Amino acid sequence: MNTPSLADVEAFLAVAGCNSFVLAARELGVAQSTVSRRISNLEARLGRQLVLRTTRKVALTDSGLTYASDLRDVMARLNSADTRLQSGLSKPEGVLRVTMPTSFGRTFVLPRIATLSTQYPDLRFEVDLSDRYVDLLDGEYDVAIRLASPAQSGVRYDKVASFGLALCASPAYFERNPAPKDLAELSAHACLAQRVYAPVISFPVTWRKKRTALQINPVISVNDSTSLRALALAGAGLAVLPLYLIEQDLKAGSLVNALPGLEFAQYEVFAAYLRHRRESEKVKVLLQALST
C-alpha cells in the first residue's frame, strides 16, 4: 500500500475538525472541490468510506473517526520533530496582519508591536485598528484581538489579558453636580456611553453585595473608548471606561470614581487565530509579547 499524500491527510483532518468541506477549504486556502478530491483519494486508497456526505451535514464514519484519531497522533509527532529540528534556527519573518479594537489596540497592543518590530527586523506588521468584526476564515488577517471568544470551528482563542471598568467623571463635572450616592441617583446625571445598537446600555455590576445591572441612557454616545474618555475629561458627564485607558487619569485626579463601591465584572481579551497557524513563528512571538 502506498504512503498517503500529506495534502490528502491534511484535507481529511481539516474536514474532521470542521465537519464541513466549505470551512476546511477556507482553513487550507484551497477550493472545496480540491478538499473533496483529496478525501476521495484517501478513501480509494484505503478501500473504506471515511466521510458521510449528505445535503444537510458532513460526519465521519466509525472508520473515519478511528483514522482521524490515529492521524492526529502522527501529525503531532511530525510537528514535534519539526519543532525540535528548527529550534533555535527559525526566526519570525514576513508580514503579520493583525486586527484589533481601536482603544485597546492603541493602549495595550501597539506598544508591544513596536517592541517586536525592533527585536525582529525581518518581521513587518500590517495593523487594522477597528471595532468591526473580522472573520479570520476569510484569510485577510493572521491574528484578531477580541474582547470575547465566540466558538468558531477552526479558530483558536488564547487569553492574553483582562481588564476592569469604572464609572467616572471629571472634578469639573462634580463642581456643577452633586456626586451620586446610590445607583438610583444616576438617572439624574448626564451619562456618556460607547455606542451600541440599543436604546439603553446595560452593565452587570455588584452594588452593596448584590448583583444587578447598571443601565445607562446616554445624552452623548460615541463609537470608541478614546473619544468617550475625552468627553469625560471635558466634564460632559459620567462614563463607564476601561481601567487600562484611565489608570493614569485616576491617579492624577483628572478623573474620579463617581460611585465608590460599585464593582464591574472583569472582561477578558483574546488573541484569535486559525489553528493551523499555531506553530507559525510570527504568531508565536506576538502571543508571547501580549501575554507578558
C-alpha atoms as a PDB file:
ATOM      1  CA  MET A   1       0.000   0.000   0.000  1.00  0.00           C
ATOM      2  CA  ASN A   2       1.360   3.396  -0.984  1.00  0.00           C
ATOM      3  CA  THR A   3       2.061   6.075   1.640  1.00  0.00           C
ATOM      4  CA  PRO A   4      -0.781   8.636   1.734  1.00  0.00           C
ATOM      5  CA  SER A   5      -0.202  12.137   0.431  1.00  0.00           C
ATOM      6  CA  LEU A   6       0.373  14.695   3.197  1.00  0.00           C
ATOM      7  CA  ALA A   7      -2.022  17.036   1.380  1.00  0.00           C
ATOM      8  CA  ASP A   8      -4.715  14.328   1.437  1.00  0.00           C
ATOM      9  CA  VAL A   9      -4.147  13.755   5.155  1.00  0.00           C
ATOM     10  CA  GLU A  10      -4.329  17.495   5.941  1.00  0.00           C
ATOM     11  CA  ALA A  11      -7.574  17.793   3.972  1.00  0.00           C
ATOM     12  CA  PHE A  12      -9.131  14.861   5.841  1.00  0.00           C
ATOM     13  CA  LEU A  13      -8.086  16.218   9.265  1.00  0.00           C
ATOM     14  CA  ALA A  14      -9.425  19.665   8.357  1.00  0.00           C
ATOM     15  CA  VAL A  15     -12.826  18.155   7.461  1.00  0.00           C
ATOM     16  CA  ALA A  16     -12.722  16.055  10.646  1.00  0.00           C
ATOM     17  CA  GLY A  17     -12.092  19.192  12.699  1.00  0.00           C
ATOM     18  CA  CYS A  18     -14.671  21.402  10.977  1.00  0.00           C
ATOM     19  CA  ASN A  19     -17.342  18.860   9.954  1.00  0.00           C
ATOM     20  CA  SER A  20     -17.586  20.939   6.803  1.00  0.00           C
ATOM     21  CA  PHE A  21     -15.955  20.840   3.370  1.00  0.00           C
ATOM     22  CA  VAL A  22     -16.534  24.584   2.990  1.00  0.00           C
ATOM     23  CA  LEU A  23     -14.790  25.516   6.256  1.00  0.00           C
ATOM     24  CA  ALA A  24     -11.990  23.013   5.643  1.00  0.00           C
ATOM     25  CA  ALA A  25     -11.347  24.561   2.226  1.00  0.00           C
ATOM     26  CA  ARG A  26     -11.168  28.045   3.795  1.00  0.00           C
ATOM     27  CA  GLU A  27      -8.806  26.859   6.506  1.00  0.00           C
ATOM     28  CA  LEU A  28      -6.481  25.238   3.958  1.00  0.00           C
ATOM     29  CA  GLY A  29      -6.816  28.026   1.401  1.00  0.00           C
ATOM     30  CA  VAL A  30      -7.910  25.702  -1.423  1.00  0.00           C
ATOM     31  CA  ALA A  31     -11.062  25.093  -3.428  1.00  0.00           C
ATOM     32  CA  GLN A  32     -13.831  22.959  -1.941  1.00  0.00           C
ATOM     33  CA  SER A  33     -13.544  20.600  -4.900  1.00  0.00           C
ATOM     34  CA  THR A  34      -9.864  20.071  -4.061  1.00  0.00           C
ATOM     35  CA  VAL A  35     -10.727  19.037  -0.499  1.00  0.00           C
ATOM     36  CA  SER A  36     -13.389  16.642  -1.792  1.00  0.00           C
ATOM     37  CA  ARG A  37     -10.954  15.109  -4.288  1.00  0.00           C
ATOM     38  CA  ARG A  38      -8.286  14.584  -1.629  1.00  0.00           C
ATOM     39  CA  ILE A  39     -10.760  12.831   0.673  1.00  0.00           C
ATOM     40  CA  SER A  40     -11.815  10.605  -2.226  1.00  0.00           C
ATOM     41  CA  ASN A  41      -8.134   9.778  -2.864  1.00  0.00           C
ATOM     42  CA  LEU A  42      -7.750   8.571   0.724  1.00  0.00           C
ATOM     43  CA  GLU A  43     -10.961   6.551   0.621  1.00  0.00           C
ATOM     44  CA  ALA A  44      -9.967   4.901  -2.655  1.00  0.00           C
ATOM     45  CA  ARG A  45      -6.506   4.082  -1.312  1.00  0.00           C
ATOM     46  CA  LEU A  46      -7.895   2.580   1.914  1.00  0.00           C
ATOM     47  CA  GLY A  47     -10.957   0.932   0.414  1.00  0.00           C
ATOM     48  CA  ARG A  48     -13.063   2.413   3.217  1.00  0.00           C
ATOM     49  CA  GLN A  49     -15.552   5.261   3.408  1.00  0.00           C
ATOM     50  CA  LEU A  50     -14.218   7.864   5.841  1.00  0.00           C
ATOM     51  CA  VAL A  51     -16.754  10.662   5.464  1.00  0.00           C
ATOM     52  CA  LEU A  52     -20.543  10.597   5.207  1.00  0.00           C
ATOM     53  CA  ARG A  53     -21.751  13.329   2.876  1.00  0.00           C
ATOM     54  CA  THR A  54     -25.383  14.449   2.858  1.00  0.00           C
ATOM     55  CA  THR A  55     -27.101  17.644   1.796  1.00  0.00           C
ATOM     56  CA  ARG A  56     -27.594  18.530   5.468  1.00  0.00           C
ATOM     57  CA  LYS A  57     -24.316  17.662   7.164  1.00  0.00           C
ATOM     58  CA  VAL A  58     -20.888  16.079   6.966  1.00  0.00           C
ATOM     59  CA  ALA A  59     -19.875  13.440   9.522  1.00  0.00           C
ATOM     60  CA  LEU A  60     -17.142  10.835   9.924  1.00  0.00           C
ATOM     61  CA  THR A  61     -17.864   7.125   9.724  1.00  0.00           C
ATOM     62  CA  ASP A  62     -16.592   4.849  12.502  1.00  0.00           C
ATOM     63  CA  SER A  63     -13.586   4.080  10.317  1.00  0.00           C
ATOM     64  CA  GLY A  64     -13.109   7.799   9.747  1.00  0.00           C
ATOM     65  CA  LEU A  65     -13.180   8.556  13.475  1.00  0.00           C
ATOM     66  CA  THR A  66     -10.545   5.905  14.205  1.00  0.00           C
ATOM     67  CA  TYR A  67      -8.354   7.009  11.293  1.00  0.00           C
ATOM     68  CA  ALA A  68      -8.599  10.684  12.308  1.00  0.00           C
ATOM     69  CA  SER A  69      -7.535   9.887  15.872  1.00  0.00           C
ATOM     70  CA  ASP A  70      -4.511   7.911  14.654  1.00  0.00           C
ATOM     71  CA  LEU A  71      -3.543  10.585  12.131  1.00  0.00           C
ATOM     72  CA  ARG A  72      -3.693  13.348  14.758  1.00  0.00           C
ATOM     73  CA  ASP A  73      -1.143  11.435  16.820  1.00  0.00           C
ATOM     74  CA  VAL A  74       1.094  11.003  13.779  1.00  0.00           C
ATOM     75  CA  MET A  75       0.822  14.682  12.810  1.00  0.00           C
ATOM     76  CA  ALA A  76       1.561  15.749  16.390  1.00  0.00           C
ATOM     77  CA  ARG A  77       4.752  13.693  16.373  1.00  0.00           C
ATOM     78  CA  LEU A  78       5.691  15.090  12.961  1.00  0.00           C
ATOM     79  CA  ASN A  79       5.143  18.680  14.141  1.00  0.00           C
ATOM     80  CA  SER A  80       7.134  17.953  17.300  1.00  0.00           C
ATOM     81  CA  ALA A  81      10.015  16.594  15.218  1.00  0.00           C
ATOM     82  CA  ASP A  82       9.955  19.697  13.002  1.00  0.00           C
ATOM     83  CA  THR A  83       9.915  21.966  16.050  1.00  0.00           C
ATOM     84  CA  ARG A  84      12.888  20.213  17.675  1.00  0.00           C
ATOM     85  CA  LEU A  85      14.864  20.362  14.448  1.00  0.00           C
ATOM     86  CA  GLN A  86      14.116  24.020  13.824  1.00  0.00           C
ATOM     87  CA  SER A  87      14.505  25.152  17.431  1.00  0.00           C
ATOM     88  CA  GLY A  88      16.981  27.960  17.573  1.00  0.00           C
ATOM     89  CA  LEU A  89      17.247  28.107  13.787  1.00  0.00           C
ATOM     90  CA  SER A  90      13.921  29.579  12.717  1.00  0.00           C
ATOM     91  CA  LYS A  91      13.053  33.212  13.233  1.00  0.00           C
ATOM     92  CA  PRO A  92       9.912  35.245  12.592  1.00  0.00           C
ATOM     93  CA  GLU A  93       9.858  36.969   9.240  1.00  0.00           C
ATOM     94  CA  GLY A  94       7.465  38.166   6.581  1.00  0.00           C
ATOM     95  CA  VAL A  95       4.240  40.073   7.172  1.00  0.00           C
ATOM     96  CA  LEU A  96       1.996  39.629  10.206  1.00  0.00           C
ATOM     97  CA  ARG A  97      -1.500  41.056   9.708  1.00  0.00           C
ATOM     98  CA  VAL A  98      -3.309  41.914  12.946  1.00  0.00           C
ATOM     99  CA  THR A  99      -6.754  43.432  13.562  1.00  0.00           C
ATOM    100  CA  MET A 100      -7.780  44.830  16.943  1.00  0.00           C
ATOM    101  CA  PRO A 101     -10.291  47.094  18.740  1.00  0.00           C
ATOM    102  CA  THR A 102      -9.265  50.742  18.477  1.00  0.00           C
ATOM    103  CA  SER A 103      -8.702  51.918  22.055  1.00  0.00           C
ATOM    104  CA  PHE A 104      -7.388  48.614  23.429  1.00  0.00           C
ATOM    105  CA  GLY A 105      -5.107  48.278  20.422  1.00  0.00           C
ATOM    106  CA  ARG A 106      -3.624  51.745  20.857  1.00  0.00           C
ATOM    107  CA  THR A 107      -3.106  51.370  24.588  1.00  0.00           C
ATOM    108  CA  PHE A 108      -2.104  47.731  25.016  1.00  0.00           C
ATOM    109  CA  VAL A 109      -1.157  46.099  21.710  1.00  0.00           C
ATOM    110  CA  LEU A 110       0.681  48.762  19.673  1.00  0.00           C
ATOM    111  CA  PRO A 111       3.448  49.343  22.267  1.00  0.00           C
ATOM    112  CA  ARG A 112       4.200  45.613  22.200  1.00  0.00           C
ATOM    113  CA  ILE A 113       4.204  45.543  18.407  1.00  0.00           C
ATOM    114  CA  ALA A 114       6.660  48.458  18.443  1.00  0.00           C
ATOM    115  CA  THR A 115       8.998  46.407  20.651  1.00  0.00           C
ATOM    116  CA  LEU A 116       8.668  43.336  18.413  1.00  0.00           C
ATOM    117  CA  SER A 117       9.452  45.421  15.346  1.00  0.00           C
ATOM    118  CA  THR A 118      12.762  46.414  16.945  1.00  0.00           C
ATOM    119  CA  GLN A 119      13.577  42.869  18.066  1.00  0.00           C
ATOM    120  CA  TYR A 120      12.781  41.222  14.711  1.00  0.00           C
ATOM    121  CA  PRO A 121      13.864  43.423  11.781  1.00  0.00           C
ATOM    122  CA  ASP A 122      12.721  40.825   9.224  1.00  0.00           C
ATOM    123  CA  LEU A 123       9.165  40.911  10.543  1.00  0.00           C
ATOM    124  CA  ARG A 124       6.738  43.505   9.208  1.00  0.00           C
ATOM    125  CA  PHE A 125       3.309  44.355  10.606  1.00  0.00           C
ATOM    126  CA  GLU A 126       0.072  45.415   8.962  1.00  0.00           C
ATOM    127  CA  VAL A 127      -2.322  46.619  11.682  1.00  0.00           C
ATOM    128  CA  ASP A 128      -6.049  47.310  11.446  1.00  0.00           C
ATOM    129  CA  LEU A 129      -7.442  49.430  14.293  1.00  0.00           C
ATOM    130  CA  SER A 130     -11.189  48.961  14.066  1.00  0.00           C
ATOM    131  CA  ASP A 131     -14.122  47.846  16.178  1.00  0.00           C
ATOM    132  CA  ARG A 132     -15.610  45.878  13.279  1.00  0.00           C
ATOM    133  CA  TYR A 133     -15.765  42.083  13.441  1.00  0.00           C
ATOM    134  CA  VAL A 134     -13.340  40.330  11.085  1.00  0.00           C
ATOM    135  CA  ASP A 135     -13.873  36.704  10.032  1.00  0.00           C
ATOM    136  CA  LEU A 136     -10.443  35.053  10.178  1.00  0.00           C
ATOM    137  CA  LEU A 137     -11.641  32.320   7.818  1.00  0.00           C
ATOM    138  CA  ASP A 138     -11.636  34.930   5.042  1.00  0.00           C
ATOM    139  CA  GLY A 139      -7.832  34.865   5.266  1.00  0.00           C
ATOM    140  CA  GLU A 140      -7.319  38.648   5.389  1.00  0.00           C
ATOM    141  CA  TYR A 141      -5.661  38.651   8.841  1.00  0.00           C
ATOM    142  CA  ASP A 142      -3.388  36.292  10.779  1.00  0.00           C
ATOM    143  CA  VAL A 143      -4.465  37.341  14.286  1.00  0.00           C
ATOM    144  CA  ALA A 144      -7.523  39.146  15.662  1.00  0.00           C
ATOM    145  CA  ILE A 145      -7.583  40.685  19.130  1.00  0.00           C
ATOM    146  CA  ARG A 146     -11.076  40.186  20.541  1.00  0.00           C
ATOM    147  CA  LEU A 147     -12.981  41.092  23.690  1.00  0.00           C
ATOM    148  CA  ALA A 148     -14.927  37.813  23.533  1.00  0.00           C
ATOM    149  CA  SER A 149     -14.281  34.225  22.485  1.00  0.00           C
ATOM    150  CA  PRO A 150     -17.236  33.001  20.402  1.00  0.00           C
ATOM    151  CA  ALA A 151     -16.993  29.371  19.346  1.00  0.00           C
ATOM    152  CA  GLN A 152     -15.845  29.168  15.740  1.00  0.00           C
ATOM    153  CA  SER A 153     -14.668  25.988  14.060  1.00  0.00           C
ATOM    154  CA  GLY A 154     -11.010  26.049  13.097  1.00  0.00           C
ATOM    155  CA  VAL A 155     -10.220  29.140  15.226  1.00  0.00           C
ATOM    156  CA  ARG A 156      -8.214  29.059  18.459  1.00  0.00           C
ATOM    157  CA  TYR A 157      -8.633  31.680  21.211  1.00  0.00           C
ATOM    158  CA  ASP A 158      -5.786  32.389  23.648  1.00  0.00           C
ATOM    159  CA  LYS A 159      -6.487  34.657  26.602  1.00  0.00           C
ATOM    160  CA  VAL A 160      -3.890  37.434  26.651  1.00  0.00           C
ATOM    161  CA  ALA A 161      -5.287  39.999  29.122  1.00  0.00           C
ATOM    162  CA  SER A 162      -8.213  41.071  31.259  1.00  0.00           C
ATOM    163  CA  PHE A 163      -9.432  44.453  32.421  1.00  0.00           C
ATOM    164  CA  GLY A 164     -11.990  46.110  34.652  1.00  0.00           C
ATOM    165  CA  LEU A 165     -14.277  49.115  34.276  1.00  0.00           C
ATOM    166  CA  ALA A 166     -15.019  52.186  36.358  1.00  0.00           C
ATOM    167  CA  LEU A 167     -17.793  54.745  36.444  1.00  0.00           C
ATOM    168  CA  CYS A 168     -16.040  58.097  36.484  1.00  0.00           C
ATOM    169  CA  ALA A 169     -16.299  61.800  35.758  1.00  0.00           C
ATOM    170  CA  SER A 170     -14.104  64.869  35.965  1.00  0.00           C
ATOM    171  CA  PRO A 171     -13.858  67.113  39.055  1.00  0.00           C
ATOM    172  CA  ALA A 172     -15.295  69.920  36.903  1.00  0.00           C
ATOM    173  CA  TYR A 173     -18.473  67.895  36.378  1.00  0.00           C
ATOM    174  CA  PHE A 174     -18.881  67.353  40.118  1.00  0.00           C
ATOM    175  CA  GLU A 175     -18.395  71.047  40.779  1.00  0.00           C
ATOM    176  CA  ARG A 176     -21.692  71.549  38.928  1.00  0.00           C
ATOM    177  CA  ASN A 177     -23.450  68.390  40.064  1.00  0.00           C
ATOM    178  CA  PRO A 178     -23.505  66.568  43.421  1.00  0.00           C
ATOM    179  CA  ALA A 179     -21.835  63.163  43.297  1.00  0.00           C
ATOM    180  CA  PRO A 180     -24.296  60.234  43.324  1.00  0.00           C
ATOM    181  CA  LYS A 181     -24.505  58.128  46.472  1.00  0.00           C
ATOM    182  CA  ASP A 182     -26.651  55.335  45.042  1.00  0.00           C
ATOM    183  CA  LEU A 183     -27.358  53.657  41.696  1.00  0.00           C
ATOM    184  CA  ALA A 184     -30.864  55.080  41.721  1.00  0.00           C
ATOM    185  CA  GLU A 185     -29.430  58.619  41.593  1.00  0.00           C
ATOM    186  CA  LEU A 186     -27.649  58.064  38.269  1.00  0.00           C
ATOM    187  CA  SER A 187     -30.800  58.813  36.290  1.00  0.00           C
ATOM    188  CA  ALA A 188     -30.471  62.453  37.386  1.00  0.00           C
ATOM    189  CA  HIS A 189     -26.987  62.720  35.837  1.00  0.00           C
ATOM    190  CA  ALA A 190     -25.755  63.289  32.314  1.00  0.00           C
ATOM    191  CA  CYS A 191     -24.311  59.960  31.213  1.00  0.00           C
ATOM    192  CA  LEU A 192     -21.995  59.189  28.311  1.00  0.00           C
ATOM    193  CA  ALA A 193     -21.502  55.870  26.571  1.00  0.00           C
ATOM    194  CA  GLN A 194     -19.832  53.985  23.765  1.00  0.00           C
ATOM    195  CA  ARG A 195     -22.367  53.437  21.032  1.00  0.00           C
ATOM    196  CA  VAL A 196     -24.249  50.167  20.783  1.00  0.00           C
ATOM    197  CA  TYR A 197     -27.349  49.420  18.748  1.00  0.00           C
ATOM    198  CA  ALA A 198     -29.792  49.564  21.658  1.00  0.00           C
ATOM    199  CA  PRO A 199     -31.652  52.448  23.353  1.00  0.00           C
ATOM    200  CA  VAL A 200     -30.311  51.528  26.821  1.00  0.00           C
ATOM    201  CA  ILE A 201     -26.798  50.278  27.625  1.00  0.00           C
ATOM    202  CA  SER A 202     -26.500  47.774  30.465  1.00  0.00           C
ATOM    203  CA  PHE A 203     -23.517  46.559  32.512  1.00  0.00           C
ATOM    204  CA  PRO A 204     -23.547  43.681  35.034  1.00  0.00           C
ATOM    205  CA  VAL A 205     -22.388  45.108  38.381  1.00  0.00           C
ATOM    206  CA  THR A 206     -22.268  44.351  42.085  1.00  0.00           C
ATOM    207  CA  TRP A 207     -23.601  47.085  44.399  1.00  0.00           C
ATOM    208  CA  ARG A 208     -23.738  46.664  48.148  1.00  0.00           C
ATOM    209  CA  LYS A 209     -23.069  42.931  47.785  1.00  0.00           C
ATOM    210  CA  LYS A 210     -25.970  42.449  45.350  1.00  0.00           C
ATOM    211  CA  ARG A 211     -25.682  41.644  41.677  1.00  0.00           C
ATOM    212  CA  THR A 212     -27.673  43.973  39.491  1.00  0.00           C
ATOM    213  CA  ALA A 213     -27.438  45.918  36.230  1.00  0.00           C
ATOM    214  CA  LEU A 214     -26.228  49.447  35.655  1.00  0.00           C
ATOM    215  CA  GLN A 215     -28.378  50.886  32.882  1.00  0.00           C
ATOM    216  CA  ILE A 216     -27.360  54.000  31.002  1.00  0.00           C
ATOM    217  CA  ASN A 217     -29.435  56.113  28.647  1.00  0.00           C
ATOM    218  CA  PRO A 218     -26.665  58.365  27.286  1.00  0.00           C
ATOM    219  CA  VAL A 219     -27.002  62.015  26.398  1.00  0.00           C
ATOM    220  CA  ILE A 220     -23.913  61.581  24.190  1.00  0.00           C
ATOM    221  CA  SER A 221     -22.735  58.338  22.606  1.00  0.00           C
ATOM    222  CA  VAL A 222     -19.549  57.795  20.611  1.00  0.00           C
ATOM    223  CA  ASN A 223     -18.056  54.858  18.752  1.00  0.00           C
ATOM    224  CA  ASP A 224     -14.792  54.309  20.672  1.00  0.00           C
ATOM    225  CA  SER A 225     -13.479  54.464  24.243  1.00  0.00           C
ATOM    226  CA  THR A 226     -10.805  57.075  23.496  1.00  0.00           C
ATOM    227  CA  SER A 227     -13.459  59.600  22.448  1.00  0.00           C
ATOM    228  CA  LEU A 228     -15.561  58.653  25.475  1.00  0.00           C
ATOM    229  CA  ARG A 229     -12.587  59.392  27.747  1.00  0.00           C
ATOM    230  CA  ALA A 230     -12.110  62.796  26.087  1.00  0.00           C
ATOM    231  CA  LEU A 231     -15.736  63.693  26.786  1.00  0.00           C
ATOM    232  CA  ALA A 232     -15.439  62.624  30.415  1.00  0.00           C
ATOM    233  CA  LEU A 233     -12.253  64.684  30.847  1.00  0.00           C
ATOM    234  CA  ALA A 234     -14.062  67.678  29.357  1.00  0.00           C
ATOM    235  CA  GLY A 235     -16.734  67.449  32.051  1.00  0.00           C
ATOM    236  CA  ALA A 236     -19.573  66.333  29.803  1.00  0.00           C
ATOM    237  CA  GLY A 237     -20.884  63.695  32.210  1.00  0.00           C
ATOM    238  CA  LEU A 238     -20.398  60.283  33.816  1.00  0.00           C
ATOM    239  CA  ALA A 239     -18.868  57.494  31.741  1.00  0.00           C
ATOM    240  CA  VAL A 240     -18.069  53.804  32.144  1.00  0.00           C
ATOM    241  CA  LEU A 241     -14.486  53.444  30.942  1.00  0.00           C
ATOM    242  CA  PRO A 242     -11.902  50.628  30.865  1.00  0.00           C
ATOM    243  CA  LEU A 243      -9.293  50.926  33.596  1.00  0.00           C
ATOM    244  CA  TYR A 244      -6.407  50.321  31.178  1.00  0.00           C
ATOM    245  CA  LEU A 245      -7.372  53.590  29.483  1.00  0.00           C
ATOM    246  CA  ILE A 246      -7.915  55.800  32.551  1.00  0.00           C
ATOM    247  CA  GLU A 247      -5.485  54.433  35.150  1.00  0.00           C
ATOM    248  CA  GLN A 248      -3.227  57.484  34.907  1.00  0.00           C
ATOM    249  CA  ASP A 249      -6.221  59.853  34.866  1.00  0.00           C
ATOM    250  CA  LEU A 250      -7.466  58.391  38.159  1.00  0.00           C
ATOM    251  CA  LYS A 251      -4.008  58.655  39.722  1.00  0.00           C
ATOM    252  CA  ALA A 252      -3.645  62.265  38.570  1.00  0.00           C
ATOM    253  CA  GLY A 253      -7.134  63.203  39.741  1.00  0.00           C
ATOM    254  CA  SER A 254      -8.278  64.387  36.303  1.00  0.00           C
ATOM    255  CA  LEU A 255     -10.995  61.736  36.585  1.00  0.00           C
ATOM    256  CA  VAL A 256     -12.555  60.481  39.817  1.00  0.00           C
ATOM    257  CA  ASN A 257     -14.585  57.419  40.714  1.00  0.00           C
ATOM    258  CA  ALA A 258     -18.213  58.514  40.613  1.00  0.00           C
ATOM    259  CA  LEU A 259     -19.597  55.777  42.863  1.00  0.00           C
ATOM    260  CA  PRO A 260     -17.017  54.076  45.139  1.00  0.00           C
ATOM    261  CA  GLY A 261     -18.016  50.508  45.970  1.00  0.00           C
ATOM    262  CA  LEU A 262     -19.609  49.854  42.590  1.00  0.00           C
ATOM    263  CA  GLU A 263     -17.936  46.729  41.154  1.00  0.00           C
ATOM    264  CA  PHE A 264     -17.927  45.776  37.474  1.00  0.00           C
ATOM    265  CA  ALA A 265     -17.288  42.338  36.032  1.00  0.00           C
ATOM    266  CA  GLN A 266     -13.847  41.640  34.594  1.00  0.00           C
ATOM    267  CA  TYR A 267     -13.598  41.479  30.799  1.00  0.00           C
ATOM    268  CA  GLU A 268     -11.227  39.066  29.078  1.00  0.00           C
ATOM    269  CA  VAL A 269      -9.199  39.748  25.941  1.00  0.00           C
ATOM    270  CA  PHE A 270      -8.277  37.008  23.468  1.00  0.00           C
ATOM    271  CA  ALA A 271      -5.932  36.574  20.547  1.00  0.00           C
ATOM    272  CA  ALA A 272      -7.759  34.591  17.870  1.00  0.00           C
ATOM    273  CA  TYR A 273      -6.016  32.784  15.014  1.00  0.00           C
ATOM    274  CA  LEU A 274      -6.566  29.788  12.747  1.00  0.00           C
ATOM    275  CA  ARG A 275      -5.482  26.562  14.413  1.00  0.00           C
ATOM    276  CA  HIS A 276      -3.076  25.568  11.669  1.00  0.00           C
ATOM    277  CA  ARG A 277      -1.087  28.791  12.308  1.00  0.00           C
ATOM    278  CA  ARG A 278      -0.341  27.845  15.907  1.00  0.00           C
ATOM    279  CA  GLU A 279       3.238  26.879  15.052  1.00  0.00           C
ATOM    280  CA  SER A 280       3.928  29.987  12.982  1.00  0.00           C
ATOM    281  CA  GLU A 281       6.934  31.799  14.462  1.00  0.00           C
ATOM    282  CA  LYS A 282       5.491  35.235  13.756  1.00  0.00           C
ATOM    283  CA  VAL A 283       2.224  34.343  15.500  1.00  0.00           C
ATOM    284  CA  LYS A 284       4.139  32.823  18.429  1.00  0.00           C
ATOM    285  CA  VAL A 285       6.203  35.929  19.146  1.00  0.00           C
ATOM    286  CA  LEU A 286       3.102  38.138  19.105  1.00  0.00           C
ATOM    287  CA  LEU A 287       1.246  35.836  21.509  1.00  0.00           C
ATOM    288  CA  GLN A 288       4.248  35.787  23.842  1.00  0.00           C
ATOM    289  CA  ALA A 289       4.502  39.586  23.776  1.00  0.00           C
ATOM    290  CA  LEU A 290       0.789  40.012  24.530  1.00  0.00           C
ATOM    291  CA  SER A 291       0.909  37.571  27.442  1.00  0.00           C
ATOM    292  CA  THR A 292       3.713  39.368  29.307  1.00  0.00           C
END
